[in-house]
Protein backbone atom coordinates (compact mmCIF):
# COMPACT_ATOMS: atom_id res chain seq x y z
CA MET A 1 37.54 53.53 30.24
CA TYR A 2 37.02 49.89 31.19
CA ARG A 3 39.63 47.58 29.64
CA PHE A 4 39.18 43.75 29.01
CA PRO A 5 41.92 41.76 30.31
CA ASN A 6 44.10 39.92 27.76
CA GLY A 7 42.81 41.81 24.66
CA GLY A 8 39.12 40.93 25.26
CA ALA A 9 38.06 44.24 23.44
CA LYS A 10 39.58 42.99 20.17
CA LYS A 11 37.93 39.52 20.42
CA HIS A 12 34.54 41.05 21.20
CA LEU A 13 34.91 43.50 18.21
CA ALA A 14 35.96 40.62 15.92
CA LEU A 15 32.96 38.65 16.96
CA ALA A 16 30.66 41.57 16.21
CA VAL A 17 32.10 42.08 12.78
CA ALA A 18 31.82 38.37 11.89
CA LEU A 19 28.23 38.35 12.91
CA VAL A 20 27.25 41.27 10.92
CA PHE A 21 28.98 39.69 7.95
CA VAL A 22 27.07 36.49 8.40
CA ALA A 23 23.80 38.40 8.68
CA LEU A 24 24.48 40.24 5.43
CA VAL A 25 25.47 36.91 3.48
CA VAL A 26 22.14 35.27 4.89
CA LEU A 27 20.17 38.32 3.84
CA TRP A 28 21.70 38.43 0.42
CA LEU A 29 21.18 34.56 -0.32
CA GLY A 30 17.59 34.86 1.06
CA ILE A 31 16.58 37.61 -1.32
CA ARG A 32 18.51 35.97 -4.41
CA GLY A 33 17.36 32.38 -3.64
CA SER A 34 13.70 32.80 -2.71
CA PRO A 35 10.96 32.56 -5.25
CA PRO A 36 8.90 35.70 -5.90
CA GLU A 37 7.09 36.49 -2.68
CA SER A 38 4.12 38.17 -4.44
CA ALA A 39 2.78 34.78 -5.66
CA ARG A 40 -0.39 34.01 -4.11
CA ASP A 41 -0.60 30.16 -4.98
CA PHE A 42 1.63 27.35 -6.33
CA GLU A 43 0.71 27.91 -10.10
CA GLN A 44 1.52 31.59 -9.83
CA CYS A 45 4.75 30.85 -8.06
CA VAL A 46 5.78 28.41 -10.76
CA GLU A 47 4.84 30.96 -13.56
CA GLN A 48 7.08 33.68 -11.98
CA VAL A 49 9.85 31.31 -11.55
CA GLN A 50 9.72 30.06 -15.11
CA THR A 51 9.77 33.86 -16.32
CA THR A 52 13.02 34.66 -14.45
CA PRO A 53 16.30 33.40 -16.22
CA PRO A 54 17.93 31.48 -13.35
CA SER A 55 20.22 28.45 -14.07
CA ASN A 56 18.63 24.89 -14.00
CA ASP A 57 19.91 24.16 -10.50
CA GLU A 58 18.42 27.35 -9.16
CA ARG A 59 15.21 26.89 -10.92
CA GLY A 60 14.72 23.38 -9.36
CA ALA A 61 15.51 24.94 -6.14
CA LEU A 62 13.03 27.65 -6.59
CA LEU A 63 10.33 25.19 -7.71
CA THR A 64 10.96 23.10 -4.71
CA ASP A 65 10.48 26.19 -2.58
CA CYS A 66 7.30 26.92 -4.28
CA SER A 67 6.10 23.46 -3.59
CA ALA A 68 6.87 23.71 0.21
CA ARG A 69 5.19 27.16 0.35
CA PHE A 70 1.84 26.05 -1.10
CA ALA A 71 0.39 22.72 -0.33
CA GLY A 72 -2.78 23.06 -2.45
CA ARG A 73 -3.17 22.96 -6.13
CA ARG A 74 -5.61 25.16 -8.25
CA LYS A 75 -8.62 23.17 -9.63
CA ALA A 76 -10.02 23.82 -12.98
CA GLY A 77 -13.28 24.91 -11.67
CA GLY A 78 -11.91 27.15 -9.02
CA GLY A 79 -10.93 26.43 -5.55
CA TYR A 80 -8.03 24.27 -4.43
CA THR A 81 -7.41 20.55 -3.73
CA TYR A 82 -4.89 19.18 -1.34
CA TYR A 83 -3.09 15.70 -2.11
CA ASP A 84 -2.28 13.49 0.84
CA PHE A 85 0.13 10.99 -0.18
CA MET A 86 -0.25 9.00 2.82
CA GLN A 87 -3.92 8.15 2.03
CA ASP A 88 -3.38 8.60 -1.75
CA ARG A 89 -6.34 10.69 -1.82
CA LYS A 90 -7.25 14.37 -2.59
CA PHE A 91 -9.22 16.82 -0.35
CA ASP A 92 -10.94 20.18 -1.50
CA ILE A 93 -9.47 23.07 0.61
CA ALA A 94 -10.38 26.80 0.47
CA GLY A 95 -7.12 28.43 -0.15
CA PRO A 96 -3.67 27.60 -1.54
CA ASN A 97 -2.79 26.00 2.04
CA PRO A 98 -5.09 24.02 4.14
CA THR A 99 -6.52 25.99 7.21
CA ALA A 100 -6.09 24.62 10.87
CA GLU A 101 -9.62 23.12 10.60
CA GLU A 102 -8.95 21.52 7.25
CA ARG A 103 -5.83 20.01 8.49
CA LYS A 104 -7.86 18.55 11.61
CA GLU A 105 -10.09 17.02 9.12
CA ILE A 106 -7.40 15.50 6.91
CA ASP A 107 -5.86 14.11 10.12
CA ARG A 108 -9.25 12.64 11.19
CA GLU A 109 -9.60 11.12 7.73
CA TYR A 110 -6.10 9.77 8.09
CA MET A 111 -6.90 8.09 11.44
CA GLY A 112 -10.10 6.42 9.85
CA PHE A 113 -7.86 5.31 6.96
CA LEU A 114 -5.31 3.66 9.24
CA ASP A 115 -8.07 2.11 11.34
CA ALA A 116 -9.58 0.57 8.08
CA GLN A 117 -6.19 -0.79 7.12
CA ARG A 118 -5.76 -2.30 10.65
CA ARG A 119 -9.16 -3.91 10.12
CA GLU A 120 -8.32 -5.30 6.82
CA ALA A 121 -4.90 -6.61 7.96
CA VAL A 122 -6.60 -8.47 10.90
CA SER A 123 -9.34 -9.84 8.54
CA ALA A 124 -6.73 -10.95 6.20
CA GLU A 125 -4.73 -12.68 9.03
CA LEU A 126 -7.84 -14.35 10.18
CA ALA A 127 -8.69 -15.61 6.68
CA LYS A 128 -5.23 -16.92 6.24
CA ARG A 129 -5.36 -18.88 9.40
CA GLN A 130 -8.91 -20.26 8.50
CA ASN A 131 -7.51 -21.25 5.18
CA GLU A 132 -4.54 -22.85 6.56
CA GLN A 133 -6.62 -24.91 9.04
CA LEU A 134 -8.96 -25.97 6.37
CA ARG A 135 -6.00 -27.18 4.18
CA ALA A 136 -4.58 -29.09 7.23
CA ASP A 137 -8.20 -30.72 7.68
CA LEU A 138 -8.40 -31.72 4.00
CA GLU A 139 -4.84 -33.27 4.25
CA SER A 140 -5.75 -35.29 7.22
CA ALA A 141 -8.98 -36.31 5.57
CA ARG A 142 -6.86 -37.55 2.52
CA GLN A 143 -4.68 -39.73 4.78
CA PRO A 144 -5.44 -43.47 4.37
CA ALA A 145 -7.52 -44.91 6.97
CA GLY A 146 -5.85 -47.34 9.26
CA PRO A 147 -7.10 -50.92 10.16
CA PRO A 148 -10.84 -51.06 11.05
CA MET A 149 -11.39 -50.49 14.77
CA VAL A 150 -12.41 -53.66 16.62
CA LEU A 151 -14.92 -53.02 19.62
CA THR A 152 -14.90 -55.69 22.20
CA PRO A 153 -17.15 -55.42 25.26
CA LEU A 154 -15.43 -55.28 28.47
CA ALA A 155 -17.64 -57.90 30.18
CA SER A 156 -19.70 -60.50 28.12
CA PRO A 157 -23.38 -60.85 29.00
CA PRO A 158 -24.33 -64.25 30.83
CA THR A 159 -25.65 -66.79 28.70
CA ALA A 160 -28.93 -68.10 29.27
CA ALA A 161 -28.80 -71.92 30.39
CA LYS A 162 -29.86 -73.98 27.40
CA ARG A 163 -32.63 -76.57 28.16
CA PRO A 164 -32.13 -79.92 26.68
CA VAL A 165 -34.18 -80.51 23.50
CA ASP A 166 -36.70 -83.20 24.35
CA ARG A 167 -36.56 -85.18 21.18
CA SER A 168 -39.47 -87.41 22.10
CA LYS A 169 -41.88 -84.66 21.12
CA SER A 170 -42.33 -84.59 17.36
CA THR A 171 -41.79 -81.41 15.90
CA ARG A 172 -43.58 -80.08 12.72
CA CYS A 173 -41.91 -81.12 9.71
CA GLU A 174 -42.51 -81.66 6.15
CA ASP A 175 -43.74 -84.93 5.02
CA GLY A 176 -41.49 -85.53 2.17
CA SER A 177 -38.19 -85.03 4.03
CA LEU A 178 -36.09 -88.17 5.15
CA SER A 179 -35.37 -86.83 8.46
CA CYS A 180 -38.92 -86.18 9.26
CA SER A 181 -39.90 -89.66 8.24
CA TRP A 182 -37.11 -91.08 10.37
CA GLU A 183 -38.34 -89.01 13.24
CA LYS A 184 -41.98 -90.14 12.99
CA PHE A 185 -40.75 -93.88 12.77
CA SER A 186 -38.61 -93.57 15.75
CA ALA A 187 -41.42 -91.86 17.67
CA ALA A 188 -43.74 -94.77 16.85
CA LEU A 189 -41.46 -97.32 17.84
CA ARG A 190 -40.69 -95.70 21.21
CA ASN A 191 -44.55 -95.51 21.89
CA ALA A 192 -44.97 -99.23 21.09
CA PHE A 193 -42.29 -100.19 23.41
CA ALA A 194 -43.46 -97.91 26.07
CA SER A 195 -46.94 -99.34 25.80
CA SER A 196 -45.95 -102.84 25.72
CA SER A 197 -43.83 -102.37 28.91
CA LYS A 198 -46.68 -100.83 30.65
CA THR A 199 -49.08 -103.90 29.60
CA LYS A 200 -46.80 -106.64 31.04
CA PRO A 201 -47.36 -107.73 34.59
C-alpha cells in the first residue's frame, strides 16, 4: 500500500470527514430554512409560511425568500403584475416571474424612461439658463442710464460764403413798423443824393 509522507493520509481523511459534515449542515439548514417548495406563486408561498409555526425571525426570512423567488404578484382579475421600482411602474406578466422576453420588454421601457428623464433634465437646464439670462437682461435694463451721449461729427461741413446784404434794395416790410419807415426814408435820401450828383456838371 502507498503511504503518504508525513502523515498525509490522516490529513486527507480528516479533510474528507470535514467536507461531509459541512455538506450535511448545509443540507439540513437548506431544508429547514426554505419556504415550501410546492408554492406556485408569491401569494401561495406567503400562505404556506403563515400556516407553519416558525419564530418571528424565521418567518421574516421565509417571507423574504418568497419575495426573492417570485417577482410577480397576483392580480384580482387573473394574471400577474410586476412592479419595477426603478420606473415606479407596473407591468403585466404571464406568470409569477417575468419570462426572458418580458424582461427584455421591461428593460426597453426602462431605457426609454431614462432617455425621457435625460431629455427633461436637459430641457430644465436650458430653461434655467434662459431664465437667468432674462433676469440679467432685466437687471441691466433697470440700471440708471448714464449721461446722454453727445454725437460730434469728425469733420465739420464747409460753410457757404455769405454774400453781403445789399441794404440799398428795399425789402418788403410792413407799412406800420418803425424800421420799415426808416428804411424807406433812408432809401429815398440816397436816391435824391444820387440823382443830384448825376445832374451836377
